[in-house]
Each structure stands twice: as structure tokens, then as C-alpha cells.
Amino acid sequence: MIDWFDILLGLTLCTCTVGSLASRDLFRAIVLFMVVGLLMALVWVRLQAPDLALAEAAIGAGLTGALLLDTLGYLRRRFTPVNDKENEP
């Protein structure tokens, strides 16, 4: 019997992975990366490997995603162009 949930999970995982790699917006790519980590945790649960699922959710989606979002915030603060008011008449 075909398990439609597993097929949907696999297609969603592939779609989010390609979306994360192809996205030109860094925030969207990071969020999709975190979604991929959570979906992979769900895949590990479906494969009856709860220890790997917990590690994937904590490290893959949680910690790595938080560090990437923090780095993106730092880069946006650091390299935001400043309005040059000295050149205005």
C-alpha cells in the first residue's frame, strides 16, 4: 500500500531544499533551510530513529538557523548604506 504522507513529505522536503538553494533573498533561504531541518527531523521520526530526529531538530533547524539569522542581522547592520547628508544642498 502506498503511504501518501511519506510521498508528500518527500516532495515537500525536495521542494523546500530547492527553494532554499535557489532563493535570492537571504532571509527566505535561511527560513527554508530551517524548514528543511524540521522536515528531516520528521523523516527521521518516520524511519523510527528518534535520537537522530531530536539531534536534527535541535542542531539542524534550531541552533544553525539561529546562528544564520544572527549573522544575517549583523551583515545587514554592518553593510547598510548610510544616507550621505553632506552632499545635499
N, C-alpha and C. Protein backbone atom coordinates (compact mmCIF):
# COMPACT_ATOMS: atom_id res chain seq x y z
N MET A 1 0.83 -1.18 0.00
CA MET A 1 0.00 0.00 0.00
C MET A 1 0.88 1.25 0.00
N ILE A 2 0.48 2.24 -0.76
CA ILE A 2 1.24 3.48 -0.86
C ILE A 2 0.91 4.37 0.33
N ASP A 3 1.95 4.84 0.99
CA ASP A 3 1.74 5.76 2.11
C ASP A 3 1.86 7.19 1.56
N TRP A 4 0.74 7.82 1.38
CA TRP A 4 0.69 9.15 0.76
C TRP A 4 1.38 10.21 1.61
N PHE A 5 1.39 10.03 2.91
CA PHE A 5 2.06 11.01 3.77
C PHE A 5 3.56 11.03 3.51
N ASP A 6 4.16 9.85 3.33
CA ASP A 6 5.60 9.78 3.06
C ASP A 6 5.93 10.38 1.70
N ILE A 7 5.08 10.17 0.72
CA ILE A 7 5.30 10.77 -0.60
C ILE A 7 5.19 12.29 -0.52
N LEU A 8 4.18 12.77 0.17
CA LEU A 8 4.01 14.22 0.35
C LEU A 8 5.18 14.82 1.13
N LEU A 9 5.64 14.11 2.14
CA LEU A 9 6.78 14.57 2.94
C LEU A 9 8.04 14.66 2.08
N GLY A 10 8.28 13.65 1.26
CA GLY A 10 9.46 13.67 0.38
C GLY A 10 9.40 14.78 -0.65
N LEU A 11 8.23 14.99 -1.25
CA LEU A 11 8.10 16.06 -2.23
C LEU A 11 8.25 17.44 -1.59
N THR A 12 7.69 17.60 -0.40
CA THR A 12 7.81 18.87 0.31
C THR A 12 9.26 19.13 0.69
N LEU A 13 9.95 18.09 1.14
CA LEU A 13 11.35 18.21 1.50
C LEU A 13 12.20 18.63 0.29
N CYS A 14 11.97 17.99 -0.85
CA CYS A 14 12.72 18.34 -2.07
C CYS A 14 12.39 19.76 -2.53
N THR A 15 11.13 20.16 -2.44
CA THR A 15 10.73 21.49 -2.87
C THR A 15 11.36 22.56 -1.98
N CYS A 16 11.34 22.35 -0.68
CA CYS A 16 11.94 23.33 0.23
C CYS A 16 13.45 23.41 0.07
N THR A 17 14.08 22.27 -0.21
CA THR A 17 15.53 22.27 -0.42
C THR A 17 15.90 23.05 -1.67
N VAL A 18 15.21 22.80 -2.75
CA VAL A 18 15.48 23.55 -3.99
C VAL A 18 15.15 25.02 -3.80
N GLY A 19 14.07 25.32 -3.11
CA GLY A 19 13.71 26.71 -2.84
C GLY A 19 14.76 27.43 -2.01
N SER A 20 15.32 26.73 -1.03
CA SER A 20 16.36 27.33 -0.20
C SER A 20 17.62 27.61 -1.02
N LEU A 21 17.97 26.70 -1.89
CA LEU A 21 19.18 26.89 -2.70
C LEU A 21 18.99 27.93 -3.80
N ALA A 22 17.78 28.06 -4.32
CA ALA A 22 17.54 28.95 -5.45
C ALA A 22 17.09 30.35 -5.03
N SER A 23 16.81 30.55 -3.77
CA SER A 23 16.28 31.84 -3.32
C SER A 23 17.36 32.91 -3.37
N ARG A 24 16.97 34.08 -3.87
CA ARG A 24 17.89 35.21 -3.91
C ARG A 24 17.80 36.06 -2.64
N ASP A 25 16.72 35.90 -1.89
CA ASP A 25 16.55 36.61 -0.63
C ASP A 25 17.16 35.75 0.48
N LEU A 26 18.14 36.29 1.20
CA LEU A 26 18.85 35.50 2.20
C LEU A 26 17.96 35.11 3.37
N PHE A 27 17.06 35.98 3.79
CA PHE A 27 16.16 35.64 4.89
C PHE A 27 15.27 34.47 4.52
N ARG A 28 14.71 34.50 3.32
CA ARG A 28 13.86 33.40 2.85
C ARG A 28 14.65 32.10 2.76
N ALA A 29 15.91 32.18 2.30
CA ALA A 29 16.74 30.98 2.19
C ALA A 29 17.02 30.38 3.56
N ILE A 30 17.25 31.22 4.56
CA ILE A 30 17.52 30.72 5.92
C ILE A 30 16.26 30.08 6.51
N VAL A 31 15.12 30.72 6.32
CA VAL A 31 13.88 30.15 6.84
C VAL A 31 13.58 28.82 6.18
N LEU A 32 13.78 28.73 4.87
CA LEU A 32 13.57 27.46 4.18
C LEU A 32 14.58 26.41 4.64
N PHE A 33 15.80 26.83 4.96
CA PHE A 33 16.79 25.91 5.50
C PHE A 33 16.33 25.34 6.84
N MET A 34 15.73 26.19 7.66
CA MET A 34 15.21 25.72 8.95
C MET A 34 14.03 24.78 8.75
N VAL A 35 13.18 25.07 7.76
CA VAL A 35 12.05 24.18 7.45
C VAL A 35 12.57 22.83 6.98
N VAL A 36 13.62 22.82 6.18
CA VAL A 36 14.22 21.56 5.73
C VAL A 36 14.72 20.76 6.92
N GLY A 37 15.33 21.44 7.89
CA GLY A 37 15.79 20.74 9.09
C GLY A 37 14.65 20.12 9.88
N LEU A 38 13.54 20.84 10.00
CA LEU A 38 12.39 20.29 10.71
C LEU A 38 11.75 19.14 9.94
N LEU A 39 11.69 19.26 8.62
CA LEU A 39 11.15 18.17 7.82
C LEU A 39 12.04 16.93 7.89
N MET A 40 13.35 17.14 7.91
CA MET A 40 14.26 16.00 8.06
C MET A 40 14.08 15.34 9.42
N ALA A 41 13.81 16.12 10.45
CA ALA A 41 13.52 15.53 11.76
C ALA A 41 12.27 14.66 11.68
N LEU A 42 11.28 15.13 10.94
CA LEU A 42 10.06 14.33 10.76
C LEU A 42 10.35 13.05 9.97
N VAL A 43 11.23 13.14 8.99
CA VAL A 43 11.63 11.95 8.24
C VAL A 43 12.30 10.95 9.17
N TRP A 44 13.18 11.41 10.04
CA TRP A 44 13.84 10.50 10.98
C TRP A 44 12.84 9.86 11.93
N VAL A 45 11.82 10.60 12.34
CA VAL A 45 10.78 10.02 13.18
C VAL A 45 10.04 8.93 12.42
N ARG A 46 9.72 9.19 11.15
CA ARG A 46 9.02 8.19 10.34
C ARG A 46 9.88 6.94 10.13
N LEU A 47 11.20 7.10 10.14
CA LEU A 47 12.11 5.97 9.99
C LEU A 47 12.45 5.32 11.34
N GLN A 48 11.74 5.74 12.37
CA GLN A 48 11.88 5.20 13.73
C GLN A 48 13.29 5.38 14.28
N ALA A 49 13.82 6.59 14.11
CA ALA A 49 15.12 6.96 14.68
C ALA A 49 14.95 8.25 15.48
N PRO A 50 14.35 8.15 16.66
CA PRO A 50 14.05 9.37 17.42
C PRO A 50 15.28 10.11 17.91
N ASP A 51 16.40 9.41 18.13
CA ASP A 51 17.61 10.08 18.55
C ASP A 51 18.14 11.00 17.45
N LEU A 52 18.13 10.53 16.22
CA LEU A 52 18.55 11.37 15.09
C LEU A 52 17.56 12.51 14.85
N ALA A 53 16.29 12.25 15.06
CA ALA A 53 15.27 13.28 14.87
C ALA A 53 15.48 14.42 15.85
N LEU A 54 15.76 14.08 17.10
CA LEU A 54 15.98 15.10 18.11
C LEU A 54 17.24 15.91 17.81
N ALA A 55 18.31 15.23 17.40
CA ALA A 55 19.54 15.93 17.06
C ALA A 55 19.35 16.83 15.84
N GLU A 56 18.63 16.35 14.84
CA GLU A 56 18.37 17.15 13.64
C GLU A 56 17.55 18.39 13.97
N ALA A 57 16.53 18.22 14.79
CA ALA A 57 15.69 19.37 15.15
C ALA A 57 16.46 20.39 15.98
N ALA A 58 17.25 19.91 16.92
CA ALA A 58 17.97 20.83 17.81
C ALA A 58 19.13 21.51 17.10
N ILE A 59 19.91 20.74 16.37
CA ILE A 59 21.11 21.31 15.75
C ILE A 59 20.81 21.84 14.35
N GLY A 60 20.19 21.01 13.52
CA GLY A 60 19.97 21.38 12.12
C GLY A 60 19.02 22.54 11.94
N ALA A 61 17.91 22.53 12.65
CA ALA A 61 16.92 23.60 12.48
C ALA A 61 17.10 24.69 13.52
N GLY A 62 17.32 24.32 14.76
CA GLY A 62 17.35 25.29 15.84
C GLY A 62 18.62 26.10 15.92
N LEU A 63 19.71 25.45 16.28
CA LEU A 63 20.96 26.16 16.54
C LEU A 63 21.55 26.78 15.27
N THR A 64 21.64 26.00 14.21
CA THR A 64 22.22 26.51 12.97
C THR A 64 21.37 27.63 12.38
N GLY A 65 20.05 27.46 12.42
CA GLY A 65 19.17 28.51 11.92
C GLY A 65 19.28 29.79 12.71
N ALA A 66 19.36 29.68 14.03
CA ALA A 66 19.51 30.87 14.87
C ALA A 66 20.83 31.58 14.60
N LEU A 67 21.90 30.82 14.43
CA LEU A 67 23.20 31.43 14.12
C LEU A 67 23.20 32.10 12.75
N LEU A 68 22.56 31.48 11.78
CA LEU A 68 22.48 32.09 10.45
C LEU A 68 21.65 33.37 10.47
N LEU A 69 20.54 33.38 11.22
CA LEU A 69 19.72 34.59 11.32
C LEU A 69 20.48 35.70 12.04
N ASP A 70 21.25 35.36 13.06
CA ASP A 70 22.05 36.35 13.77
C ASP A 70 23.12 36.93 12.85
N THR A 71 23.75 36.07 12.06
CA THR A 71 24.76 36.53 11.11
C THR A 71 24.15 37.43 10.05
N LEU A 72 22.97 37.10 9.57
CA LEU A 72 22.29 37.94 8.58
C LEU A 72 21.97 39.30 9.18
N GLY A 73 21.49 39.33 10.41
CA GLY A 73 21.22 40.61 11.07
C GLY A 73 22.48 41.45 11.23
N TYR A 74 23.59 40.81 11.58
CA TYR A 74 24.86 41.52 11.70
C TYR A 74 25.29 42.10 10.37
N LEU A 75 25.19 41.30 9.31
CA LEU A 75 25.60 41.77 7.99
C LEU A 75 24.73 42.92 7.50
N ARG A 76 23.44 42.87 7.79
CA ARG A 76 22.55 43.96 7.37
C ARG A 76 22.86 45.24 8.13
N ARG A 77 23.19 45.13 9.42
CA ARG A 77 23.56 46.33 10.18
C ARG A 77 24.90 46.87 9.73
N ARG A 78 25.81 45.99 9.44
CA ARG A 78 27.18 46.40 9.11
C ARG A 78 27.28 47.05 7.73
N PHE A 79 26.56 46.52 6.76
CA PHE A 79 26.72 46.96 5.38
C PHE A 79 25.51 47.71 4.83
N THR A 80 24.69 48.28 5.71
CA THR A 80 23.58 49.11 5.25
C THR A 80 24.14 50.46 4.82
N PRO A 81 23.80 50.92 3.61
CA PRO A 81 24.33 52.21 3.17
C PRO A 81 23.76 53.35 4.02
N VAL A 82 24.64 54.26 4.37
CA VAL A 82 24.25 55.41 5.18
C VAL A 82 23.93 56.56 4.25
N ASN A 83 22.83 57.27 4.54
CA ASN A 83 22.48 58.44 3.73
C ASN A 83 23.52 59.51 3.93
N ASP A 84 24.04 60.00 2.84
CA ASP A 84 25.09 61.00 2.88
C ASP A 84 24.44 62.39 2.89
N LYS A 85 24.25 62.98 4.06
CA LYS A 85 23.56 64.27 4.16
C LYS A 85 24.48 65.43 3.85
N GLU A 86 25.78 65.20 3.79
CA GLU A 86 26.71 66.26 3.47
C GLU A 86 26.61 66.68 2.01
N ASN A 87 26.16 65.81 1.13
CA ASN A 87 26.09 66.10 -0.29
C ASN A 87 24.79 66.79 -0.67
N GLU A 88 23.82 66.89 0.25
CA GLU A 88 22.55 67.54 -0.07
C GLU A 88 22.72 69.05 -0.03
N PRO A 89 22.00 69.77 -0.93
CA PRO A 89 22.14 71.23 -0.95
C PRO A 89 21.46 71.90 0.23
